[in-house]
Each structure stands twice: as C-alpha cells, then as structure tokens.
Amino acid sequence: IAARGVSGEVACFDPGANIHRDGILRTTTVPAPLSVAQRTDAVLLAGRILNALDYVGVMGVELFVTKAGLVVNEIAPRVHNSGHWTQNGCVIDQFEQHIRAVAGWPLGDGARHSDIVMENLIGEDMDRVPDLAADPKVALHLYGKAETRAGRKMGHANRWTGPAAS
C-alpha cells in the first residue's frame, strides 16, 4: 500500500503477506516474512509505479514473490482491504493518507508501530463477532451491511500481535 501526493512525494506502508481463499482476501499479516532486500524492492517498485502513472492518492500494489524476484500481479488505484491493517498498526492509516494526498497536504509517515493480522469477516464469520469483541487484542471494523451472505465482506478484524520491531 503506497501513496503519492500532488507534488510527487511518495510514502509506503510496510508490505503485508496476503492469504486468499476462494478468490477472496482472508488475511493480511504485517510484517510480511520478507528479507530486507525484498521489502526495499517492494517499496521501490510501488513508488516507481505511482510515479510512472503520475498517480495521486493511495494505491494497492499486489506482488508475487518468486525465485527471480518480485512480480506485479495487479494494482488497485484506491485504498484497499489489504491495507486495512493500517487502521490499528500506524499513526496515519491508508484512509487518512489518501485524503492527505488528494488534498495536497503533506503525506504522513507510513511507519508501523504494531504488528497486525487483518482478517476479513466474510458471511458466516459474523457469527464470531461476539468472541472477537471479547478479545482485548482485536479491533473490529464492521461495515453496517444489513444482510449477511456467503462470500460477502461484512467487516474486518485487526488483531494486535505485538509492537513493531525496531
């Protein structure tokens, strides 16, 4: 998840490791199990894409890690659910960062203060909300959708797994 401001400055959040099931993002874990070189490459690659497109705002850049290096799978020109972890893992989350970018304000620091596992709450996962709400390490973000259906994203839960390593 990266942002580019009106004047061309770029700020990136730490890369997350995404797990998909049935074509739907289930979890994003931050920090991702990447080497320092892979993290650096991911951030530089996202910045190059933002600059090449002269893009302003937040963009999700999904990468595959291969033996040959990082490969871009897709870009999402918007805040993205793989960046929802930033709501509880960073001082400036992806939503505020997007507003800062499009309003011409200085971008915030994308540094992570906490390790987080974001879990999308899909369909019947809503049955687990009372248990999730009882966990002091979980922050719930429910979308207010009236009807629960299989495969429908109903919200997400950010689980704090510890402070970010310095």
C-alpha atoms as a PDB file:
ATOM      1  CA  ILE A   1       0.000   0.000   0.000  1.00  0.00           C
ATOM      2  CA  ALA A   2       1.608   3.243  -1.153  1.00  0.00           C
ATOM      3  CA  ALA A   3       0.611   6.861  -1.642  1.00  0.00           C
ATOM      4  CA  ARG A   4       1.762   9.667  -3.895  1.00  0.00           C
ATOM      5  CA  GLY A   5       0.992  13.300  -3.245  1.00  0.00           C
ATOM      6  CA  VAL A   6       0.227  16.148  -5.634  1.00  0.00           C
ATOM      7  CA  SER A   7       3.851  17.340  -5.547  1.00  0.00           C
ATOM      8  CA  GLY A   8       5.183  13.831  -6.263  1.00  0.00           C
ATOM      9  CA  GLU A   9       6.256  12.738  -2.786  1.00  0.00           C
ATOM     10  CA  VAL A  10       5.750   9.029  -2.102  1.00  0.00           C
ATOM     11  CA  ALA A  11       5.117   7.241   1.197  1.00  0.00           C
ATOM     12  CA  CYS A  12       4.742   3.484   1.542  1.00  0.00           C
ATOM     13  CA  PHE A  13       3.397   1.247   4.246  1.00  0.00           C
ATOM     14  CA  ASP A  14       5.170  -1.978   5.170  1.00  0.00           C
ATOM     15  CA  PRO A  15       4.373  -4.843   2.803  1.00  0.00           C
ATOM     16  CA  GLY A  16       1.880  -7.373   4.097  1.00  0.00           C
ATOM     17  CA  ALA A  17       1.565 -11.079   3.364  1.00  0.00           C
ATOM     18  CA  ASN A  18      -1.862 -11.855   1.906  1.00  0.00           C
ATOM     19  CA  ILE A  19      -3.691 -15.171   2.081  1.00  0.00           C
ATOM     20  CA  HIS A  20      -6.622 -15.710  -0.297  1.00  0.00           C
ATOM     21  CA  ARG A  21      -9.251 -18.424  -0.182  1.00  0.00           C
ATOM     22  CA  ASP A  22     -11.890 -18.963  -2.862  1.00  0.00           C
ATOM     23  CA  GLY A  23     -10.659 -15.840  -4.635  1.00  0.00           C
ATOM     24  CA  ILE A  24     -11.227 -13.596  -1.602  1.00  0.00           C
ATOM     25  CA  LEU A  25      -8.590 -11.991   0.606  1.00  0.00           C
ATOM     26  CA  ARG A  26      -8.858 -13.656   4.009  1.00  0.00           C
ATOM     27  CA  THR A  27      -5.885 -12.265   5.941  1.00  0.00           C
ATOM     28  CA  THR A  28      -3.059  -9.781   5.699  1.00  0.00           C
ATOM     29  CA  THR A  29      -0.160 -10.233   8.107  1.00  0.00           C
ATOM     30  CA  VAL A  30       2.293  -7.437   8.829  1.00  0.00           C
ATOM     31  CA  PRO A  31       5.204  -7.696   8.870  1.00  0.00           C
ATOM     32  CA  ALA A  32       5.393  -9.999   5.881  1.00  0.00           C
ATOM     33  CA  PRO A  33       8.051 -12.715   6.019  1.00  0.00           C
ATOM     34  CA  LEU A  34      10.348 -10.928   3.558  1.00  0.00           C
ATOM     35  CA  SER A  35      14.038 -10.192   3.559  1.00  0.00           C
ATOM     36  CA  VAL A  36      15.187  -6.598   3.947  1.00  0.00           C
ATOM     37  CA  ALA A  37      16.086  -6.578   0.233  1.00  0.00           C
ATOM     38  CA  GLN A  38      12.606  -7.840  -0.729  1.00  0.00           C
ATOM     39  CA  ARG A  39      10.929  -5.190   1.453  1.00  0.00           C
ATOM     40  CA  THR A  40      13.073  -2.493  -0.111  1.00  0.00           C
ATOM     41  CA  ASP A  41      12.375  -3.778  -3.625  1.00  0.00           C
ATOM     42  CA  ALA A  42       8.619  -3.855  -2.936  1.00  0.00           C
ATOM     43  CA  VAL A  43       8.574  -0.255  -1.723  1.00  0.00           C
ATOM     44  CA  LEU A  44      10.749   0.970  -4.604  1.00  0.00           C
ATOM     45  CA  LEU A  45       8.620  -0.892  -7.149  1.00  0.00           C
ATOM     46  CA  ALA A  46       5.394   0.592  -5.762  1.00  0.00           C
ATOM     47  CA  GLY A  47       6.934   4.071  -5.883  1.00  0.00           C
ATOM     48  CA  ARG A  48       8.049   3.578  -9.494  1.00  0.00           C
ATOM     49  CA  ILE A  49       4.520   2.568 -10.488  1.00  0.00           C
ATOM     50  CA  LEU A  50       2.958   5.580  -8.755  1.00  0.00           C
ATOM     51  CA  ASN A  51       5.450   7.938 -10.409  1.00  0.00           C
ATOM     52  CA  ALA A  52       5.146   6.365 -13.873  1.00  0.00           C
ATOM     53  CA  LEU A  53       1.371   6.839 -13.736  1.00  0.00           C
ATOM     54  CA  ASP A  54       1.644  10.339 -12.217  1.00  0.00           C
ATOM     55  CA  TYR A  55      -0.900   8.964  -9.756  1.00  0.00           C
ATOM     56  CA  VAL A  56      -2.208  10.942  -6.776  1.00  0.00           C
ATOM     57  CA  GLY A  57      -3.707   9.038  -3.851  1.00  0.00           C
ATOM     58  CA  VAL A  58      -3.358   5.610  -2.279  1.00  0.00           C
ATOM     59  CA  MET A  59      -2.779   2.546  -4.423  1.00  0.00           C
ATOM     60  CA  GLY A  60      -2.523  -1.132  -3.601  1.00  0.00           C
ATOM     61  CA  VAL A  61       0.230  -2.977  -5.466  1.00  0.00           C
ATOM     62  CA  GLU A  62      -0.013  -6.749  -5.245  1.00  0.00           C
ATOM     63  CA  LEU A  63       3.228  -8.624  -5.793  1.00  0.00           C
ATOM     64  CA  PHE A  64       4.189 -12.254  -6.074  1.00  0.00           C
ATOM     65  CA  VAL A  65       7.490 -13.295  -4.531  1.00  0.00           C
ATOM     66  CA  THR A  66       9.306 -15.591  -6.975  1.00  0.00           C
ATOM     67  CA  LYS A  67      12.819 -17.012  -7.182  1.00  0.00           C
ATOM     68  CA  ALA A  68      13.512 -14.495  -9.947  1.00  0.00           C
ATOM     69  CA  GLY A  69      12.311 -11.570  -7.803  1.00  0.00           C
ATOM     70  CA  LEU A  70       9.092  -9.649  -7.278  1.00  0.00           C
ATOM     71  CA  VAL A  71       6.421  -9.781  -9.972  1.00  0.00           C
ATOM     72  CA  VAL A  72       3.497  -7.338 -10.118  1.00  0.00           C
ATOM     73  CA  ASN A  73       0.181  -9.203 -10.142  1.00  0.00           C
ATOM     74  CA  GLU A  74      -2.220  -6.264 -10.010  1.00  0.00           C
ATOM     75  CA  ILE A  75      -2.593  -2.660  -8.995  1.00  0.00           C
ATOM     76  CA  ALA A  76      -5.653  -1.258  -7.258  1.00  0.00           C
ATOM     77  CA  PRO A  77      -5.936   2.539  -7.635  1.00  0.00           C
ATOM     78  CA  ARG A  78      -7.665   3.116  -4.300  1.00  0.00           C
ATOM     79  CA  VAL A  79      -7.469   2.299  -0.622  1.00  0.00           C
ATOM     80  CA  HIS A  80      -7.539  -1.465  -0.456  1.00  0.00           C
ATOM     81  CA  ASN A  81      -8.653  -4.090   2.047  1.00  0.00           C
ATOM     82  CA  SER A  82      -5.097  -5.441   2.217  1.00  0.00           C
ATOM     83  CA  GLY A  83      -4.262  -2.067   3.791  1.00  0.00           C
ATOM     84  CA  HIS A  84      -6.972  -2.167   6.469  1.00  0.00           C
ATOM     85  CA  TRP A  85      -4.311  -3.257   8.965  1.00  0.00           C
ATOM     86  CA  THR A  86      -3.019   0.332   8.893  1.00  0.00           C
ATOM     87  CA  GLN A  87      -6.056   1.443  10.931  1.00  0.00           C
ATOM     88  CA  ASN A  88      -4.539  -0.125  14.031  1.00  0.00           C
ATOM     89  CA  GLY A  89      -0.900  -0.547  13.036  1.00  0.00           C
ATOM     90  CA  CYS A  90       0.096   3.005  12.026  1.00  0.00           C
ATOM     91  CA  VAL A  91      -0.420   6.545  13.245  1.00  0.00           C
ATOM     92  CA  ILE A  92      -1.589   7.602   9.768  1.00  0.00           C
ATOM     93  CA  ASP A  93      -3.785   4.922   8.169  1.00  0.00           C
ATOM     94  CA  GLN A  94      -4.384   4.410   4.452  1.00  0.00           C
ATOM     95  CA  PHE A  95      -7.670   6.364   4.554  1.00  0.00           C
ATOM     96  CA  GLU A  96      -6.127   9.489   6.070  1.00  0.00           C
ATOM     97  CA  GLN A  97      -3.135   9.103   3.768  1.00  0.00           C
ATOM     98  CA  HIS A  98      -5.448   9.118   0.746  1.00  0.00           C
ATOM     99  CA  ILE A  99      -7.150  12.326   1.890  1.00  0.00           C
ATOM    100  CA  ARG A 100      -3.778  13.935   2.559  1.00  0.00           C
ATOM    101  CA  ALA A 101      -2.597  13.006  -0.943  1.00  0.00           C
ATOM    102  CA  VAL A 102      -5.618  14.254  -2.889  1.00  0.00           C
ATOM    103  CA  ALA A 103      -5.977  17.396  -0.732  1.00  0.00           C
ATOM    104  CA  GLY A 104      -2.368  18.380  -1.383  1.00  0.00           C
ATOM    105  CA  TRP A 105      -1.384  18.043   2.269  1.00  0.00           C
ATOM    106  CA  PRO A 106       1.938  16.538   3.339  1.00  0.00           C
ATOM    107  CA  LEU A 107       1.849  12.763   3.364  1.00  0.00           C
ATOM    108  CA  GLY A 108       2.050  11.117   6.748  1.00  0.00           C
ATOM    109  CA  ASP A 109       4.729   8.693   7.819  1.00  0.00           C
ATOM    110  CA  GLY A 110       3.705   5.154   6.874  1.00  0.00           C
ATOM    111  CA  ALA A 111       5.773   3.641   9.677  1.00  0.00           C
ATOM    112  CA  ARG A 112       4.197   0.728  11.513  1.00  0.00           C
ATOM    113  CA  HIS A 113       4.040   0.914  15.319  1.00  0.00           C
ATOM    114  CA  SER A 114       2.397  -2.500  15.767  1.00  0.00           C
ATOM    115  CA  ASP A 115       2.376  -5.911  14.183  1.00  0.00           C
ATOM    116  CA  ILE A 116      -1.134  -6.736  12.965  1.00  0.00           C
ATOM    117  CA  VAL A 117      -3.061  -9.566  11.376  1.00  0.00           C
ATOM    118  CA  MET A 118      -6.095  -8.277   9.497  1.00  0.00           C
ATOM    119  CA  GLU A 119      -8.870 -10.798   8.894  1.00  0.00           C
ATOM    120  CA  ASN A 120     -11.755 -10.070   6.563  1.00  0.00           C
ATOM    121  CA  LEU A 121     -15.075 -11.068   8.099  1.00  0.00           C
ATOM    122  CA  ILE A 122     -16.963 -12.801   5.333  1.00  0.00           C
ATOM    123  CA  GLY A 123     -20.507 -14.152   5.513  1.00  0.00           C
ATOM    124  CA  GLU A 124     -20.866 -16.500   8.459  1.00  0.00           C
ATOM    125  CA  ASP A 125     -17.708 -15.086  10.078  1.00  0.00           C
ATOM    126  CA  MET A 126     -20.150 -12.586  11.581  1.00  0.00           C
ATOM    127  CA  ASP A 127     -21.205 -15.347  13.994  1.00  0.00           C
ATOM    128  CA  ARG A 128     -17.749 -14.923  15.579  1.00  0.00           C
ATOM    129  CA  VAL A 129     -18.157 -11.186  16.264  1.00  0.00           C
ATOM    130  CA  PRO A 130     -19.103 -11.596  19.967  1.00  0.00           C
ATOM    131  CA  ASP A 131     -15.964 -13.664  20.601  1.00  0.00           C
ATOM    132  CA  LEU A 132     -13.797 -11.269  18.604  1.00  0.00           C
ATOM    133  CA  ALA A 133     -15.260  -8.315  20.522  1.00  0.00           C
ATOM    134  CA  ALA A 134     -14.304 -10.008  23.804  1.00  0.00           C
ATOM    135  CA  ASP A 135     -10.650 -10.277  22.765  1.00  0.00           C
ATOM    136  CA  PRO A 136      -8.706  -7.252  24.082  1.00  0.00           C
ATOM    137  CA  LYS A 137      -6.213  -7.564  21.220  1.00  0.00           C
ATOM    138  CA  VAL A 138      -8.839  -7.267  18.457  1.00  0.00           C
ATOM    139  CA  ALA A 139     -10.258  -4.102  16.923  1.00  0.00           C
ATOM    140  CA  LEU A 140     -13.485  -4.676  14.983  1.00  0.00           C
ATOM    141  CA  HIS A 141     -14.433  -2.678  11.904  1.00  0.00           C
ATOM    142  CA  LEU A 142     -17.972  -3.611  10.837  1.00  0.00           C
ATOM    143  CA  TYR A 143     -19.422  -2.239   7.602  1.00  0.00           C
ATOM    144  CA  GLY A 144     -23.068  -1.962   8.704  1.00  0.00           C
ATOM    145  CA  LYS A 145     -24.402  -4.213   5.951  1.00  0.00           C
ATOM    146  CA  ALA A 146     -27.886  -5.450   6.838  1.00  0.00           C
ATOM    147  CA  GLU A 147     -27.755  -8.791   5.039  1.00  0.00           C
ATOM    148  CA  THR A 148     -25.148 -11.474   5.615  1.00  0.00           C
ATOM    149  CA  ARG A 149     -24.435 -13.634   2.566  1.00  0.00           C
ATOM    150  CA  ALA A 150     -21.821 -16.248   1.773  1.00  0.00           C
ATOM    151  CA  GLY A 151     -18.795 -14.565   0.185  1.00  0.00           C
ATOM    152  CA  ARG A 152     -19.857 -11.043   1.233  1.00  0.00           C
ATOM    153  CA  LYS A 153     -17.336  -8.915   3.121  1.00  0.00           C
ATOM    154  CA  MET A 154     -19.106  -7.736   6.249  1.00  0.00           C
ATOM    155  CA  GLY A 155     -16.179  -6.150   8.064  1.00  0.00           C
ATOM    156  CA  HIS A 156     -12.694  -6.895   9.249  1.00  0.00           C
ATOM    157  CA  ALA A 157     -10.857  -7.542  12.486  1.00  0.00           C
ATOM    158  CA  ASN A 158      -7.360  -6.258  13.234  1.00  0.00           C
ATOM    159  CA  ARG A 159      -5.548  -8.430  15.762  1.00  0.00           C
ATOM    160  CA  TRP A 160      -2.581  -6.851  17.547  1.00  0.00           C
ATOM    161  CA  THR A 161       0.261  -9.363  17.664  1.00  0.00           C
ATOM    162  CA  GLY A 162       2.894  -7.136  19.252  1.00  0.00           C
ATOM    163  CA  PRO A 163       4.862  -3.937  18.891  1.00  0.00           C
ATOM    164  CA  ALA A 164       6.815  -3.442  15.678  1.00  0.00           C
ATOM    165  CA  ALA A 165      10.444  -4.479  15.956  1.00  0.00           C
ATOM    166  CA  SER A 166      12.788  -1.523  15.903  1.00  0.00           C
END
